[in-house]
Amino acid sequence: MSFFIAWANRLLRYASPPGLADQPRMRADRNSHLAHQQLLAKAKSGGIDVYLLGDSITRRWGALDYPDFLAHWKKTFQGWNAGNFGWGGDRTENILWRLENGELDGVNPKVIVILAGTNNVGKEPGDEAKVADVTRGVFAIVDACRKKAPGATIVLTAIFPRNDNPAVMPTIARINSDLARLSGEKSLHFLDVNSRLADAKGTLFEGVMVDGLHPSLKGYEAWAEGLKPILTEILGPPAASDHAPQPTGDPSASERPGH
């Protein structure tokens, strides 16, 4: 019981009001807390050269509960020692909280791949204030990663197009334009694979997403094809062996019927 009282106390301390994308905010649900514990253990296991950070789009790619995506993850990153630190539903402020609470401490990866912000965008178009807020949130994640892992090269991925409400595409485009300003900074690559996912109007190509938001295998392959040249440039070709930690999954999956 004391364990969860301590968790609740931390929640009261870190739960800032919604809308502050650059202020760390703890997720209140038990499943996110359990996932955080899993990711802390993964971080402490060592052996991670490529650290992928984000929300469900990142998480699903290398998660036990998505075996087809996990097989593609292993095919993509085998020999580069990649660890997946995505968690579903995270906004930028939630990712910041996880970074400030140990998930990157002592990992010392050579590359950090960031894809964040789509949950801040949501399904509704945003004004300039929203664009600025989300941009600040992503910039804050970059800054936090630099402080925790100053030797890492950061690959900042443009927010993917989403067609669950096509009206949000101009908002995403404005945010990505702001994020691209970091492309000239030292030890940072800005990666935009959106032309592989959607046409110039932001309409998704057939088969790249499963629900208008989350990538299919075809969508993950587009991301992989963008990452591979960058990883090869930084790390060289994949090694014959891999010492990345074991993948994790959704903690709630073990509580469902049939598990």
C-alpha atoms as a PDB file:
ATOM      1  CA  MET A   1       0.000   0.000   0.000  1.00  0.00           C
ATOM      2  CA  SER A   2       2.796   2.449   0.876  1.00  0.00           C
ATOM      3  CA  PHE A   3       4.167   1.945  -2.637  1.00  0.00           C
ATOM      4  CA  PHE A   4       1.000   3.372  -4.184  1.00  0.00           C
ATOM      5  CA  ILE A   5       0.718   6.134  -1.571  1.00  0.00           C
ATOM      6  CA  ALA A   6       4.179   7.291  -2.640  1.00  0.00           C
ATOM      7  CA  TRP A   7       3.022   7.110  -6.252  1.00  0.00           C
ATOM      8  CA  ALA A   8      -0.041   9.253  -5.424  1.00  0.00           C
ATOM      9  CA  ASN A   9       2.121  11.809  -3.630  1.00  0.00           C
ATOM     10  CA  ARG A  10       4.344  12.111  -6.694  1.00  0.00           C
ATOM     11  CA  LEU A  11       1.230  12.495  -8.825  1.00  0.00           C
ATOM     12  CA  LEU A  12       0.072  15.472  -6.777  1.00  0.00           C
ATOM     13  CA  ARG A  13       3.493  17.037  -7.094  1.00  0.00           C
ATOM     14  CA  TYR A  14       3.991  16.558 -10.825  1.00  0.00           C
ATOM     15  CA  ALA A  15       0.478  16.759 -12.249  1.00  0.00           C
ATOM     16  CA  SER A  16       0.552  20.159 -13.929  1.00  0.00           C
ATOM     17  CA  PRO A  17      -2.545  21.511 -15.714  1.00  0.00           C
ATOM     18  CA  PRO A  18      -3.197  20.183 -19.237  1.00  0.00           C
ATOM     19  CA  GLY A  19      -1.965  22.379 -22.056  1.00  0.00           C
ATOM     20  CA  LEU A  20       1.545  22.973 -20.730  1.00  0.00           C
ATOM     21  CA  ALA A  21       3.349  20.832 -23.228  1.00  0.00           C
ATOM     22  CA  ASP A  22       6.819  21.655 -21.919  1.00  0.00           C
ATOM     23  CA  GLN A  23       6.077  20.924 -18.242  1.00  0.00           C
ATOM     24  CA  PRO A  24       6.561  17.351 -16.943  1.00  0.00           C
ATOM     25  CA  ARG A  25       3.281  15.665 -16.067  1.00  0.00           C
ATOM     26  CA  MET A  26       2.830  12.212 -14.558  1.00  0.00           C
ATOM     27  CA  ARG A  27       0.191   9.861 -15.953  1.00  0.00           C
ATOM     28  CA  ALA A  28      -2.350   9.033 -13.235  1.00  0.00           C
ATOM     29  CA  ASP A  29      -3.473   5.578 -14.383  1.00  0.00           C
ATOM     30  CA  ARG A  30      -2.066   2.428 -12.791  1.00  0.00           C
ATOM     31  CA  ASN A  31      -1.179   0.811 -16.127  1.00  0.00           C
ATOM     32  CA  SER A  32       1.073   3.724 -17.101  1.00  0.00           C
ATOM     33  CA  HIS A  33       2.761   3.493 -13.720  1.00  0.00           C
ATOM     34  CA  LEU A  34       3.430  -0.224 -14.228  1.00  0.00           C
ATOM     35  CA  ALA A  35       4.741   0.474 -17.718  1.00  0.00           C
ATOM     36  CA  HIS A  36       7.089   3.090 -16.263  1.00  0.00           C
ATOM     37  CA  GLN A  37       8.495   0.455 -13.920  1.00  0.00           C
ATOM     38  CA  GLN A  38       9.051  -1.876 -16.869  1.00  0.00           C
ATOM     39  CA  LEU A  39      10.839   0.853 -18.798  1.00  0.00           C
ATOM     40  CA  LEU A  40      13.002   1.739 -15.808  1.00  0.00           C
ATOM     41  CA  ALA A  41      14.103  -1.888 -15.610  1.00  0.00           C
ATOM     42  CA  LYS A  42      14.796  -1.871 -19.347  1.00  0.00           C
ATOM     43  CA  ALA A  43      16.906   1.270 -19.006  1.00  0.00           C
ATOM     44  CA  LYS A  44      18.938  -0.267 -16.182  1.00  0.00           C
ATOM     45  CA  SER A  45      19.595  -3.470 -18.129  1.00  0.00           C
ATOM     46  CA  GLY A  46      22.120  -1.666 -20.334  1.00  0.00           C
ATOM     47  CA  GLY A  47      23.293  -2.493 -23.838  1.00  0.00           C
ATOM     48  CA  ILE A  48      21.212   0.166 -25.620  1.00  0.00           C
ATOM     49  CA  ASP A  49      22.859   2.069 -28.456  1.00  0.00           C
ATOM     50  CA  VAL A  50      19.657   3.293 -30.158  1.00  0.00           C
ATOM     51  CA  TYR A  51      16.952   4.661 -27.857  1.00  0.00           C
ATOM     52  CA  LEU A  52      13.505   5.235 -29.388  1.00  0.00           C
ATOM     53  CA  LEU A  53      11.262   7.597 -27.433  1.00  0.00           C
ATOM     54  CA  GLY A  54       7.626   8.462 -28.025  1.00  0.00           C
ATOM     55  CA  ASP A  55       3.992   7.482 -27.661  1.00  0.00           C
ATOM     56  CA  SER A  56       1.948   4.555 -29.000  1.00  0.00           C
ATOM     57  CA  ILE A  57       3.297   4.984 -32.527  1.00  0.00           C
ATOM     58  CA  THR A  58       6.762   4.231 -31.192  1.00  0.00           C
ATOM     59  CA  ARG A  59       5.611   1.655 -28.621  1.00  0.00           C
ATOM     60  CA  ARG A  60       3.670  -0.576 -30.993  1.00  0.00           C
ATOM     61  CA  TRP A  61       6.666  -1.029 -33.263  1.00  0.00           C
ATOM     62  CA  GLY A  62       8.677  -2.975 -30.679  1.00  0.00           C
ATOM     63  CA  ALA A  63       6.087  -4.331 -28.229  1.00  0.00           C
ATOM     64  CA  LEU A  64       5.352  -7.913 -27.185  1.00  0.00           C
ATOM     65  CA  ASP A  65       1.615  -7.403 -27.743  1.00  0.00           C
ATOM     66  CA  TYR A  66       2.135  -6.530 -31.446  1.00  0.00           C
ATOM     67  CA  PRO A  67       4.096  -9.564 -32.675  1.00  0.00           C
ATOM     68  CA  ASP A  68       4.006  -8.668 -36.382  1.00  0.00           C
ATOM     69  CA  PHE A  69       5.358  -5.195 -35.692  1.00  0.00           C
ATOM     70  CA  LEU A  70       7.910  -6.639 -33.255  1.00  0.00           C
ATOM     71  CA  ALA A  71       9.222  -8.973 -35.964  1.00  0.00           C
ATOM     72  CA  HIS A  72       9.691  -5.957 -38.239  1.00  0.00           C
ATOM     73  CA  TRP A  73      11.385  -4.056 -35.389  1.00  0.00           C
ATOM     74  CA  LYS A  74      13.883  -6.873 -34.930  1.00  0.00           C
ATOM     75  CA  LYS A  75      14.529  -7.056 -38.663  1.00  0.00           C
ATOM     76  CA  THR A  76      15.095  -3.286 -38.794  1.00  0.00           C
ATOM     77  CA  PHE A  77      17.308  -2.834 -35.730  1.00  0.00           C
ATOM     78  CA  GLN A  78      19.072  -6.185 -35.299  1.00  0.00           C
ATOM     79  CA  GLY A  79      22.747  -5.454 -34.670  1.00  0.00           C
ATOM     80  CA  TRP A  80      22.138  -1.827 -33.664  1.00  0.00           C
ATOM     81  CA  ASN A  81      21.041  -2.635 -30.083  1.00  0.00           C
ATOM     82  CA  ALA A  82      17.789  -0.694 -30.020  1.00  0.00           C
ATOM     83  CA  GLY A  83      15.516  -0.164 -27.020  1.00  0.00           C
ATOM     84  CA  ASN A  84      11.890   0.941 -27.308  1.00  0.00           C
ATOM     85  CA  PHE A  85      10.735   3.557 -24.780  1.00  0.00           C
ATOM     86  CA  GLY A  86       7.363   4.489 -26.222  1.00  0.00           C
ATOM     87  CA  TRP A  87       4.169   4.489 -24.187  1.00  0.00           C
ATOM     88  CA  GLY A  88       0.640   4.730 -25.548  1.00  0.00           C
ATOM     89  CA  GLY A  89      -1.309   7.928 -25.018  1.00  0.00           C
ATOM     90  CA  ASP A  90       1.674   9.978 -23.907  1.00  0.00           C
ATOM     91  CA  ARG A  91       1.699  13.675 -24.586  1.00  0.00           C
ATOM     92  CA  THR A  92       4.980  15.586 -24.636  1.00  0.00           C
ATOM     93  CA  GLU A  93       4.598  16.461 -20.966  1.00  0.00           C
ATOM     94  CA  ASN A  94       4.215  12.780 -20.049  1.00  0.00           C
ATOM     95  CA  ILE A  95       7.354  11.868 -21.981  1.00  0.00           C
ATOM     96  CA  LEU A  96       9.190  14.652 -20.165  1.00  0.00           C
ATOM     97  CA  TRP A  97       8.067  13.221 -16.834  1.00  0.00           C
ATOM     98  CA  ARG A  98       9.374   9.786 -17.766  1.00  0.00           C
ATOM     99  CA  LEU A  99      12.723  11.288 -18.765  1.00  0.00           C
ATOM    100  CA  GLU A 100      12.936  13.227 -15.508  1.00  0.00           C
ATOM    101  CA  ASN A 101      12.135  10.087 -13.539  1.00  0.00           C
ATOM    102  CA  GLY A 102      14.854   7.735 -14.622  1.00  0.00           C
ATOM    103  CA  GLU A 103      14.068   6.231 -18.011  1.00  0.00           C
ATOM    104  CA  LEU A 104      17.193   7.678 -19.641  1.00  0.00           C
ATOM    105  CA  ASP A 105      19.445   7.825 -16.584  1.00  0.00           C
ATOM    106  CA  GLY A 106      22.700   5.960 -17.124  1.00  0.00           C
ATOM    107  CA  VAL A 107      21.670   4.562 -20.507  1.00  0.00           C
ATOM    108  CA  ASN A 108      24.177   6.594 -22.550  1.00  0.00           C
ATOM    109  CA  PRO A 109      22.841   5.654 -25.993  1.00  0.00           C
ATOM    110  CA  LYS A 110      24.672   6.708 -29.120  1.00  0.00           C
ATOM    111  CA  VAL A 111      21.443   7.694 -30.902  1.00  0.00           C
ATOM    112  CA  ILE A 112      18.073   8.886 -29.562  1.00  0.00           C
ATOM    113  CA  VAL A 113      15.122   8.798 -31.962  1.00  0.00           C
ATOM    114  CA  ILE A 114      12.225  11.041 -30.911  1.00  0.00           C
ATOM    115  CA  LEU A 115       8.675  11.025 -32.304  1.00  0.00           C
ATOM    116  CA  ALA A 116       6.305  13.013 -30.090  1.00  0.00           C
ATOM    117  CA  GLY A 117       3.446  15.491 -30.166  1.00  0.00           C
ATOM    118  CA  THR A 118       0.576  13.827 -31.993  1.00  0.00           C
ATOM    119  CA  ASN A 119      -1.394  13.323 -28.766  1.00  0.00           C
ATOM    120  CA  ASN A 120      -1.016  17.027 -28.008  1.00  0.00           C
ATOM    121  CA  VAL A 121      -2.371  17.820 -31.471  1.00  0.00           C
ATOM    122  CA  GLY A 122      -5.355  15.484 -31.059  1.00  0.00           C
ATOM    123  CA  LYS A 123      -8.245  15.364 -33.502  1.00  0.00           C
ATOM    124  CA  GLU A 124      -9.098  19.070 -33.564  1.00  0.00           C
ATOM    125  CA  PRO A 125      -7.335  21.805 -35.576  1.00  0.00           C
ATOM    126  CA  GLY A 126      -5.265  24.190 -33.484  1.00  0.00           C
ATOM    127  CA  ASP A 127      -4.498  27.882 -33.514  1.00  0.00           C
ATOM    128  CA  GLU A 128      -1.024  29.425 -33.380  1.00  0.00           C
ATOM    129  CA  ALA A 129      -0.972  29.162 -29.594  1.00  0.00           C
ATOM    130  CA  LYS A 130      -1.442  25.420 -29.830  1.00  0.00           C
ATOM    131  CA  VAL A 131       1.224  25.116 -32.513  1.00  0.00           C
ATOM    132  CA  ALA A 132       3.657  27.043 -30.316  1.00  0.00           C
ATOM    133  CA  ASP A 133       2.769  24.962 -27.243  1.00  0.00           C
ATOM    134  CA  VAL A 134       3.343  21.617 -28.968  1.00  0.00           C
ATOM    135  CA  THR A 135       6.565  22.884 -30.526  1.00  0.00           C
ATOM    136  CA  ARG A 136       7.836  23.959 -27.100  1.00  0.00           C
ATOM    137  CA  GLY A 137       6.967  20.530 -25.738  1.00  0.00           C
ATOM    138  CA  VAL A 138       8.978  18.706 -28.384  1.00  0.00           C
ATOM    139  CA  PHE A 139      11.887  21.131 -27.985  1.00  0.00           C
ATOM    140  CA  ALA A 140      11.795  20.440 -24.230  1.00  0.00           C
ATOM    141  CA  ILE A 141      12.110  16.703 -24.909  1.00  0.00           C
ATOM    142  CA  VAL A 142      15.144  17.368 -27.101  1.00  0.00           C
ATOM    143  CA  ASP A 143      16.699  19.499 -24.352  1.00  0.00           C
ATOM    144  CA  ALA A 144      16.002  16.851 -21.693  1.00  0.00           C
ATOM    145  CA  CYS A 145      17.625  14.173 -23.837  1.00  0.00           C
ATOM    146  CA  ARG A 146      20.685  16.345 -24.374  1.00  0.00           C
ATOM    147  CA  LYS A 147      21.073  16.853 -20.625  1.00  0.00           C
ATOM    148  CA  LYS A 148      20.629  13.157 -19.814  1.00  0.00           C
ATOM    149  CA  ALA A 149      22.712  11.831 -22.726  1.00  0.00           C
ATOM    150  CA  PRO A 150      25.011  14.613 -23.963  1.00  0.00           C
ATOM    151  CA  GLY A 151      27.000  12.254 -26.172  1.00  0.00           C
ATOM    152  CA  ALA A 152      24.017  11.050 -28.178  1.00  0.00           C
ATOM    153  CA  THR A 153      23.040  12.127 -31.663  1.00  0.00           C
ATOM    154  CA  ILE A 154      19.337  12.983 -31.745  1.00  0.00           C
ATOM    155  CA  VAL A 155      17.068  12.028 -34.634  1.00  0.00           C
ATOM    156  CA  LEU A 156      13.965  14.217 -34.332  1.00  0.00           C
ATOM    157  CA  THR A 157      11.175  12.727 -36.436  1.00  0.00           C
ATOM    158  CA  ALA A 158       8.465  14.938 -37.891  1.00  0.00           C
ATOM    159  CA  ILE A 159       4.979  14.268 -36.525  1.00  0.00           C
ATOM    160  CA  PHE A 160       3.278  11.785 -38.832  1.00  0.00           C
ATOM    161  CA  PRO A 161       0.217  12.751 -40.878  1.00  0.00           C
ATOM    162  CA  ARG A 162      -3.099  11.540 -39.478  1.00  0.00           C
ATOM    163  CA  ASN A 163      -6.437  11.239 -41.260  1.00  0.00           C
ATOM    164  CA  ASP A 164      -8.733  10.382 -38.334  1.00  0.00           C
ATOM    165  CA  ASN A 165      -9.575  14.060 -38.861  1.00  0.00           C
ATOM    166  CA  PRO A 166      -7.868  15.472 -41.966  1.00  0.00           C
ATOM    167  CA  ALA A 167      -8.586  19.001 -40.725  1.00  0.00           C
ATOM    168  CA  VAL A 168      -5.663  18.714 -38.290  1.00  0.00           C
ATOM    169  CA  MET A 169      -3.114  18.343 -41.096  1.00  0.00           C
ATOM    170  CA  PRO A 170      -2.387  22.105 -41.401  1.00  0.00           C
ATOM    171  CA  THR A 171      -1.681  22.170 -37.646  1.00  0.00           C
ATOM    172  CA  ILE A 172       0.750  19.255 -37.964  1.00  0.00           C
ATOM    173  CA  ALA A 173       2.413  20.884 -40.967  1.00  0.00           C
ATOM    174  CA  ARG A 174       2.982  24.133 -39.028  1.00  0.00           C
ATOM    175  CA  ILE A 175       4.452  22.275 -36.069  1.00  0.00           C
ATOM    176  CA  ASN A 176       6.752  20.243 -38.312  1.00  0.00           C
ATOM    177  CA  SER A 177       7.896  23.439 -39.995  1.00  0.00           C
ATOM    178  CA  ASP A 178       8.851  24.805 -36.571  1.00  0.00           C
ATOM    179  CA  LEU A 179      10.601  21.563 -35.587  1.00  0.00           C
ATOM    180  CA  ALA A 180      12.614  21.628 -38.799  1.00  0.00           C
ATOM    181  CA  ARG A 181      14.382  24.738 -37.505  1.00  0.00           C
ATOM    182  CA  LEU A 182      16.537  22.417 -35.401  1.00  0.00           C
ATOM    183  CA  SER A 183      17.850  20.587 -38.469  1.00  0.00           C
ATOM    184  CA  GLY A 184      21.062  22.618 -38.635  1.00  0.00           C
ATOM    185  CA  GLU A 185      22.027  22.051 -35.013  1.00  0.00           C
ATOM    186  CA  LYS A 186      25.035  19.964 -34.081  1.00  0.00           C
ATOM    187  CA  SER A 187      24.409  16.276 -33.374  1.00  0.00           C
ATOM    188  CA  LEU A 188      20.780  16.506 -34.499  1.00  0.00           C
ATOM    189  CA  HIS A 189      19.072  15.121 -37.589  1.00  0.00           C
ATOM    190  CA  PHE A 190      15.549  16.201 -38.491  1.00  0.00           C
ATOM    191  CA  LEU A 191      13.866  13.268 -40.206  1.00  0.00           C
ATOM    192  CA  ASP A 192      10.689  13.859 -42.212  1.00  0.00           C
ATOM    193  CA  VAL A 193       9.290  10.703 -43.828  1.00  0.00           C
ATOM    194  CA  ASN A 194       5.808  12.146 -44.369  1.00  0.00           C
ATOM    195  CA  SER A 195       6.200  12.171 -48.164  1.00  0.00           C
ATOM    196  CA  ARG A 196       6.391   8.361 -47.894  1.00  0.00           C
ATOM    197  CA  LEU A 197       3.137   8.293 -45.919  1.00  0.00           C
ATOM    198  CA  ALA A 198       0.872  10.888 -47.540  1.00  0.00           C
ATOM    199  CA  ASP A 199       0.494  13.056 -50.623  1.00  0.00           C
ATOM    200  CA  ALA A 200       1.132  16.806 -50.746  1.00  0.00           C
ATOM    201  CA  LYS A 201      -2.361  17.479 -49.368  1.00  0.00           C
ATOM    202  CA  GLY A 202      -1.743  15.213 -46.372  1.00  0.00           C
ATOM    203  CA  THR A 203      -3.984  12.396 -47.569  1.00  0.00           C
ATOM    204  CA  LEU A 204      -2.538   9.096 -46.410  1.00  0.00           C
ATOM    205  CA  PHE A 205      -1.445   6.570 -49.000  1.00  0.00           C
ATOM    206  CA  GLU A 206      -3.407   3.343 -48.976  1.00  0.00           C
ATOM    207  CA  GLY A 207      -2.256   0.822 -46.401  1.00  0.00           C
ATOM    208  CA  VAL A 208       0.239   2.943 -44.433  1.00  0.00           C
ATOM    209  CA  MET A 209      -1.976   3.335 -41.326  1.00  0.00           C
ATOM    210  CA  VAL A 210      -4.330   0.900 -39.652  1.00  0.00           C
ATOM    211  CA  ASP A 211      -6.761   3.514 -38.289  1.00  0.00           C
ATOM    212  CA  GLY A 212      -5.777   6.847 -39.787  1.00  0.00           C
ATOM    213  CA  LEU A 213      -3.241   7.393 -36.984  1.00  0.00           C
ATOM    214  CA  HIS A 214      -1.173   4.299 -36.130  1.00  0.00           C
ATOM    215  CA  PRO A 215       1.192   2.885 -38.763  1.00  0.00           C
ATOM    216  CA  SER A 216       0.745  -0.486 -40.405  1.00  0.00           C
ATOM    217  CA  LEU A 217       3.745  -2.610 -41.341  1.00  0.00           C
ATOM    218  CA  LYS A 218       3.942  -0.523 -44.507  1.00  0.00           C
ATOM    219  CA  GLY A 219       4.005   2.648 -42.433  1.00  0.00           C
ATOM    220  CA  TYR A 220       6.728   1.363 -40.128  1.00  0.00           C
ATOM    221  CA  GLU A 221       8.759   0.349 -43.160  1.00  0.00           C
ATOM    222  CA  ALA A 222       8.606   3.966 -44.375  1.00  0.00           C
ATOM    223  CA  TRP A 223       9.988   5.122 -41.023  1.00  0.00           C
ATOM    224  CA  ALA A 224      12.638   2.398 -41.089  1.00  0.00           C
ATOM    225  CA  GLU A 225      13.793   3.391 -44.566  1.00  0.00           C
ATOM    226  CA  GLY A 226      14.269   6.934 -43.322  1.00  0.00           C
ATOM    227  CA  LEU A 227      16.192   5.856 -40.233  1.00  0.00           C
ATOM    228  CA  LYS A 228      18.533   3.264 -41.713  1.00  0.00           C
ATOM    229  CA  PRO A 229      20.841   5.656 -43.632  1.00  0.00           C
ATOM    230  CA  ILE A 230      21.169   7.890 -40.563  1.00  0.00           C
ATOM    231  CA  LEU A 231      21.925   4.967 -38.244  1.00  0.00           C
ATOM    232  CA  THR A 232      24.443   3.574 -40.718  1.00  0.00           C
ATOM    233  CA  GLU A 233      26.165   6.955 -40.927  1.00  0.00           C
ATOM    234  CA  ILE A 234      26.437   7.219 -37.134  1.00  0.00           C
ATOM    235  CA  LEU A 235      26.913   3.595 -36.070  1.00  0.00           C
ATOM    236  CA  GLY A 236      28.138   1.850 -39.186  1.00  0.00           C
ATOM    237  CA  PRO A 237      26.437  -1.272 -40.563  1.00  0.00           C
ATOM    238  CA  PRO A 238      24.577  -3.522 -38.111  1.00  0.00           C
ATOM    239  CA  ALA A 239      26.767  -5.902 -36.120  1.00  0.00           C
ATOM    240  CA  ALA A 240      26.412  -9.658 -36.380  1.00  0.00           C
ATOM    241  CA  SER A 241      25.153  -9.865 -32.788  1.00  0.00           C
ATOM    242  CA  ASP A 242      22.726  -7.764 -30.775  1.00  0.00           C
ATOM    243  CA  HIS A 243      22.712  -7.061 -27.036  1.00  0.00           C
ATOM    244  CA  ALA A 244      19.620  -4.851 -26.708  1.00  0.00           C
ATOM    245  CA  PRO A 245      17.283  -5.546 -23.766  1.00  0.00           C
ATOM    246  CA  GLN A 246      14.245  -7.729 -24.175  1.00  0.00           C
ATOM    247  CA  PRO A 247      11.079  -5.990 -25.428  1.00  0.00           C
ATOM    248  CA  THR A 248       8.257  -5.113 -23.075  1.00  0.00           C
ATOM    249  CA  GLY A 249       4.512  -4.997 -23.610  1.00  0.00           C
ATOM    250  CA  ASP A 250       1.288  -3.573 -22.223  1.00  0.00           C
ATOM    251  CA  PRO A 251       1.138  -4.533 -18.514  1.00  0.00           C
ATOM    252  CA  SER A 252      -2.663  -4.758 -18.663  1.00  0.00           C
ATOM    253  CA  ALA A 253      -2.455  -7.530 -21.278  1.00  0.00           C
ATOM    254  CA  SER A 254      -1.624 -10.085 -18.585  1.00  0.00           C
ATOM    255  CA  GLU A 255      -4.833  -9.142 -16.729  1.00  0.00           C
ATOM    256  CA  ARG A 256      -7.145  -9.786 -19.678  1.00  0.00           C
ATOM    257  CA  PRO A 257      -9.165 -13.007 -20.064  1.00  0.00           C
ATOM    258  CA  GLY A 258      -7.092 -15.799 -21.579  1.00  0.00           C
ATOM    259  CA  HIS A 259      -3.788 -14.576 -20.074  1.00  0.00           C
END
